[in-house]
């Protein structure tokens, strides 16, 4: 018996089945939830996982505004953006980022857990994050993702 390696062609012609998962972020810890989402996006939960091919599934996250962080991170955690110019470093606290756009917090956490390459930039597009409980992906019939 030989080892199965997925190829780009397998993904393109639909041989590899992609599922849709839904995660309710309400009451979930940001980092613990993000690690499991990153694994599903990469396809690490499947027996056909191949590191150089995108075999992962789609993940829909709802209630992003109600995600939790432990300790005093709500006040002390900072997000940085640098424009490239002298004096162009901006910083925002976790509270301010959640108040402006709560989806950015989860996308930032999951993106940091993916590899830094072209494949990961394609995989992050399968993450759909929404602030409230409503999402436009009901037609895909997403199943609840069992989080540990």
C-alpha atoms as a PDB file:
ATOM      1  CA  UNK A   1       0.000   0.000   0.000  1.00  0.00           C
ATOM      2  CA  UNK A   2       1.346   3.427  -0.903  1.00  0.00           C
ATOM      3  CA  UNK A   3       0.973   6.726   0.878  1.00  0.00           C
ATOM      4  CA  UNK A   4      -1.597   9.104  -0.600  1.00  0.00           C
ATOM      5  CA  UNK A   5      -0.368  12.592  -1.482  1.00  0.00           C
ATOM      6  CA  UNK A   6      -2.939  15.144  -2.548  1.00  0.00           C
ATOM      7  CA  UNK A   7      -2.171  17.151  -5.686  1.00  0.00           C
ATOM      8  CA  UNK A   8      -3.402  20.480  -7.007  1.00  0.00           C
ATOM      9  CA  UNK A   9      -5.382  18.583  -9.630  1.00  0.00           C
ATOM     10  CA  UNK A  10      -7.270  16.645  -6.930  1.00  0.00           C
ATOM     11  CA  UNK A  11      -8.454  19.907  -5.397  1.00  0.00           C
ATOM     12  CA  UNK A  12      -9.306  21.481  -8.755  1.00  0.00           C
ATOM     13  CA  UNK A  13     -11.462  18.609 -10.030  1.00  0.00           C
ATOM     14  CA  UNK A  14     -13.337  18.180  -6.728  1.00  0.00           C
ATOM     15  CA  UNK A  15     -11.825  14.869  -5.611  1.00  0.00           C
ATOM     16  CA  UNK A  16     -11.031  16.383  -2.220  1.00  0.00           C
ATOM     17  CA  UNK A  17     -14.190  17.084  -0.245  1.00  0.00           C
ATOM     18  CA  UNK A  18     -14.325  20.469   1.515  1.00  0.00           C
ATOM     19  CA  UNK A  19     -16.670  20.810   4.457  1.00  0.00           C
ATOM     20  CA  UNK A  20     -18.053  23.971   6.038  1.00  0.00           C
ATOM     21  CA  UNK A  21     -17.714  24.368   9.801  1.00  0.00           C
ATOM     22  CA  UNK A  22     -19.258  26.978  12.081  1.00  0.00           C
ATOM     23  CA  UNK A  23     -17.741  28.229  15.338  1.00  0.00           C
ATOM     24  CA  UNK A  24     -19.594  30.317  17.909  1.00  0.00           C
ATOM     25  CA  UNK A  25     -16.943  32.561  19.475  1.00  0.00           C
ATOM     26  CA  UNK A  26     -19.147  33.588  22.393  1.00  0.00           C
ATOM     27  CA  UNK A  27     -17.342  32.663  25.606  1.00  0.00           C
ATOM     28  CA  UNK A  28     -14.404  31.061  23.760  1.00  0.00           C
ATOM     29  CA  UNK A  29     -10.799  31.950  24.587  1.00  0.00           C
ATOM     30  CA  UNK A  30      -9.205  33.699  21.602  1.00  0.00           C
ATOM     31  CA  UNK A  31      -5.942  31.746  21.364  1.00  0.00           C
ATOM     32  CA  UNK A  32      -7.345  28.290  22.073  1.00  0.00           C
ATOM     33  CA  UNK A  33     -10.103  28.763  19.514  1.00  0.00           C
ATOM     34  CA  UNK A  34      -7.715  30.206  16.908  1.00  0.00           C
ATOM     35  CA  UNK A  35      -5.331  27.240  17.045  1.00  0.00           C
ATOM     36  CA  UNK A  36      -8.114  24.810  16.238  1.00  0.00           C
ATOM     37  CA  UNK A  37      -9.461  27.028  13.454  1.00  0.00           C
ATOM     38  CA  UNK A  38      -5.966  27.258  11.920  1.00  0.00           C
ATOM     39  CA  UNK A  39      -5.654  23.468  11.920  1.00  0.00           C
ATOM     40  CA  UNK A  40      -8.988  23.062  10.110  1.00  0.00           C
ATOM     41  CA  UNK A  41      -8.057  25.726   7.522  1.00  0.00           C
ATOM     42  CA  UNK A  42      -4.815  23.873   6.774  1.00  0.00           C
ATOM     43  CA  UNK A  43      -6.484  20.440   6.706  1.00  0.00           C
ATOM     44  CA  UNK A  44      -4.455  18.992   9.579  1.00  0.00           C
ATOM     45  CA  UNK A  45      -7.564  17.238  10.900  1.00  0.00           C
ATOM     46  CA  UNK A  46      -7.864  15.083   7.759  1.00  0.00           C
ATOM     47  CA  UNK A  47      -6.021  11.826   7.066  1.00  0.00           C
ATOM     48  CA  UNK A  48      -5.197  13.118   3.549  1.00  0.00           C
ATOM     49  CA  UNK A  49      -3.302  16.166   4.881  1.00  0.00           C
ATOM     50  CA  UNK A  50      -0.531  17.188   2.518  1.00  0.00           C
ATOM     51  CA  UNK A  51       1.687  20.121   3.575  1.00  0.00           C
ATOM     52  CA  UNK A  52       2.113  21.634   0.099  1.00  0.00           C
ATOM     53  CA  UNK A  53      -1.553  21.427  -1.034  1.00  0.00           C
ATOM     54  CA  UNK A  54      -4.568  23.288   0.307  1.00  0.00           C
ATOM     55  CA  UNK A  55      -6.828  20.443   1.503  1.00  0.00           C
ATOM     56  CA  UNK A  56      -8.443  22.389   4.367  1.00  0.00           C
ATOM     57  CA  UNK A  57     -12.073  23.221   5.033  1.00  0.00           C
ATOM     58  CA  UNK A  58     -14.050  26.451   5.298  1.00  0.00           C
ATOM     59  CA  UNK A  59     -14.691  27.953   8.751  1.00  0.00           C
ATOM     60  CA  UNK A  60     -17.427  30.460   9.606  1.00  0.00           C
ATOM     61  CA  UNK A  61     -16.994  32.277  12.928  1.00  0.00           C
ATOM     62  CA  UNK A  62     -19.991  34.053  14.445  1.00  0.00           C
ATOM     63  CA  UNK A  63     -20.285  36.319  17.510  1.00  0.00           C
ATOM     64  CA  UNK A  64     -16.710  37.562  17.089  1.00  0.00           C
ATOM     65  CA  UNK A  65     -17.432  40.546  19.323  1.00  0.00           C
ATOM     66  CA  UNK A  66     -18.040  38.225  22.294  1.00  0.00           C
ATOM     67  CA  UNK A  67     -14.676  36.437  22.228  1.00  0.00           C
ATOM     68  CA  UNK A  68     -12.843  36.241  25.562  1.00  0.00           C
ATOM     69  CA  UNK A  69      -9.212  36.723  26.547  1.00  0.00           C
ATOM     70  CA  UNK A  70      -7.630  35.586  29.803  1.00  0.00           C
ATOM     71  CA  UNK A  71      -6.006  37.681  32.500  1.00  0.00           C
ATOM     72  CA  UNK A  72      -5.657  41.411  31.927  1.00  0.00           C
ATOM     73  CA  UNK A  73      -5.161  41.104  28.164  1.00  0.00           C
ATOM     74  CA  UNK A  74      -8.383  43.021  27.518  1.00  0.00           C
ATOM     75  CA  UNK A  75      -6.585  46.189  28.674  1.00  0.00           C
ATOM     76  CA  UNK A  76      -2.919  45.379  28.018  1.00  0.00           C
ATOM     77  CA  UNK A  77      -2.890  43.478  24.685  1.00  0.00           C
ATOM     78  CA  UNK A  78      -1.766  45.770  21.836  1.00  0.00           C
ATOM     79  CA  UNK A  79      -2.081  45.594  18.061  1.00  0.00           C
ATOM     80  CA  UNK A  80       0.568  47.402  16.033  1.00  0.00           C
ATOM     81  CA  UNK A  81       0.559  48.833  12.526  1.00  0.00           C
ATOM     82  CA  UNK A  82       3.625  50.423  10.963  1.00  0.00           C
ATOM     83  CA  UNK A  83       3.310  52.654   7.888  1.00  0.00           C
ATOM     84  CA  UNK A  84       6.995  52.444   7.004  1.00  0.00           C
ATOM     85  CA  UNK A  85       7.635  56.117   7.702  1.00  0.00           C
ATOM     86  CA  UNK A  86       9.491  57.557  10.698  1.00  0.00           C
ATOM     87  CA  UNK A  87       7.037  57.975  13.552  1.00  0.00           C
ATOM     88  CA  UNK A  88       4.485  55.860  11.679  1.00  0.00           C
ATOM     89  CA  UNK A  89       3.984  53.203  14.362  1.00  0.00           C
ATOM     90  CA  UNK A  90       0.370  53.069  15.539  1.00  0.00           C
ATOM     91  CA  UNK A  91      -0.850  50.951  18.425  1.00  0.00           C
ATOM     92  CA  UNK A  92      -4.348  50.061  19.548  1.00  0.00           C
ATOM     93  CA  UNK A  93      -5.551  48.143  22.588  1.00  0.00           C
ATOM     94  CA  UNK A  94      -7.632  44.980  22.372  1.00  0.00           C
ATOM     95  CA  UNK A  95     -10.718  46.838  23.643  1.00  0.00           C
ATOM     96  CA  UNK A  96     -10.479  49.502  20.922  1.00  0.00           C
ATOM     97  CA  UNK A  97      -9.986  46.957  18.144  1.00  0.00           C
ATOM     98  CA  UNK A  98     -12.995  44.923  19.301  1.00  0.00           C
ATOM     99  CA  UNK A  99     -15.106  48.087  19.512  1.00  0.00           C
ATOM    100  CA  UNK A 100     -14.143  49.150  15.951  1.00  0.00           C
ATOM    101  CA  UNK A 101     -14.032  45.819  14.122  1.00  0.00           C
ATOM    102  CA  UNK A 102     -14.189  42.602  16.153  1.00  0.00           C
ATOM    103  CA  UNK A 103     -13.538  40.427  13.107  1.00  0.00           C
ATOM    104  CA  UNK A 104      -9.989  41.791  12.874  1.00  0.00           C
ATOM    105  CA  UNK A 105      -9.031  40.230  16.228  1.00  0.00           C
ATOM    106  CA  UNK A 106      -9.857  36.673  15.160  1.00  0.00           C
ATOM    107  CA  UNK A 107      -8.430  37.084  11.647  1.00  0.00           C
ATOM    108  CA  UNK A 108      -5.179  38.452  13.113  1.00  0.00           C
ATOM    109  CA  UNK A 109      -4.877  35.569  15.600  1.00  0.00           C
ATOM    110  CA  UNK A 110      -5.548  32.852  13.014  1.00  0.00           C
ATOM    111  CA  UNK A 111      -3.281  34.454  10.384  1.00  0.00           C
ATOM    112  CA  UNK A 112      -0.426  34.455  12.914  1.00  0.00           C
ATOM    113  CA  UNK A 113      -0.825  30.697  13.379  1.00  0.00           C
ATOM    114  CA  UNK A 114      -0.566  29.877   9.676  1.00  0.00           C
ATOM    115  CA  UNK A 115       2.751  29.603   7.826  1.00  0.00           C
ATOM    116  CA  UNK A 116       4.047  32.732   6.107  1.00  0.00           C
ATOM    117  CA  UNK A 117       3.807  31.733   2.445  1.00  0.00           C
ATOM    118  CA  UNK A 118       1.569  31.793  -0.645  1.00  0.00           C
ATOM    119  CA  UNK A 119      -0.334  28.709   0.416  1.00  0.00           C
ATOM    120  CA  UNK A 120      -1.331  30.265   3.742  1.00  0.00           C
ATOM    121  CA  UNK A 121      -2.531  33.417   1.978  1.00  0.00           C
ATOM    122  CA  UNK A 122      -4.874  31.185  -0.010  1.00  0.00           C
ATOM    123  CA  UNK A 123      -5.953  29.258   3.097  1.00  0.00           C
ATOM    124  CA  UNK A 124      -6.884  32.369   5.095  1.00  0.00           C
ATOM    125  CA  UNK A 125      -9.490  33.233   2.448  1.00  0.00           C
ATOM    126  CA  UNK A 126     -11.513  30.217   3.644  1.00  0.00           C
ATOM    127  CA  UNK A 127     -12.030  31.932   7.027  1.00  0.00           C
ATOM    128  CA  UNK A 128     -15.278  33.912   7.248  1.00  0.00           C
ATOM    129  CA  UNK A 129     -15.714  35.988  10.436  1.00  0.00           C
ATOM    130  CA  UNK A 130     -18.879  37.843  11.456  1.00  0.00           C
ATOM    131  CA  UNK A 131     -19.488  40.149  14.428  1.00  0.00           C
ATOM    132  CA  UNK A 132     -23.050  39.010  15.121  1.00  0.00           C
ATOM    133  CA  UNK A 133     -24.927  35.715  15.043  1.00  0.00           C
ATOM    134  CA  UNK A 134     -26.070  36.089  11.414  1.00  0.00           C
ATOM    135  CA  UNK A 135     -24.059  34.847   8.433  1.00  0.00           C
ATOM    136  CA  UNK A 136     -24.815  34.465   4.695  1.00  0.00           C
ATOM    137  CA  UNK A 137     -23.527  30.865   4.429  1.00  0.00           C
ATOM    138  CA  UNK A 138     -26.682  28.972   5.390  1.00  0.00           C
ATOM    139  CA  UNK A 139     -26.829  27.386   1.914  1.00  0.00           C
ATOM    140  CA  UNK A 140     -23.538  25.577   2.596  1.00  0.00           C
ATOM    141  CA  UNK A 141     -25.087  23.977   5.735  1.00  0.00           C
ATOM    142  CA  UNK A 142     -22.081  24.439   8.039  1.00  0.00           C
ATOM    143  CA  UNK A 143     -21.708  21.883  10.827  1.00  0.00           C
ATOM    144  CA  UNK A 144     -20.656  22.943  14.361  1.00  0.00           C
ATOM    145  CA  UNK A 145     -16.911  22.503  14.824  1.00  0.00           C
ATOM    146  CA  UNK A 146     -16.212  20.476  17.988  1.00  0.00           C
ATOM    147  CA  UNK A 147     -13.737  22.563  19.995  1.00  0.00           C
ATOM    148  CA  UNK A 148     -11.741  20.897  22.771  1.00  0.00           C
END
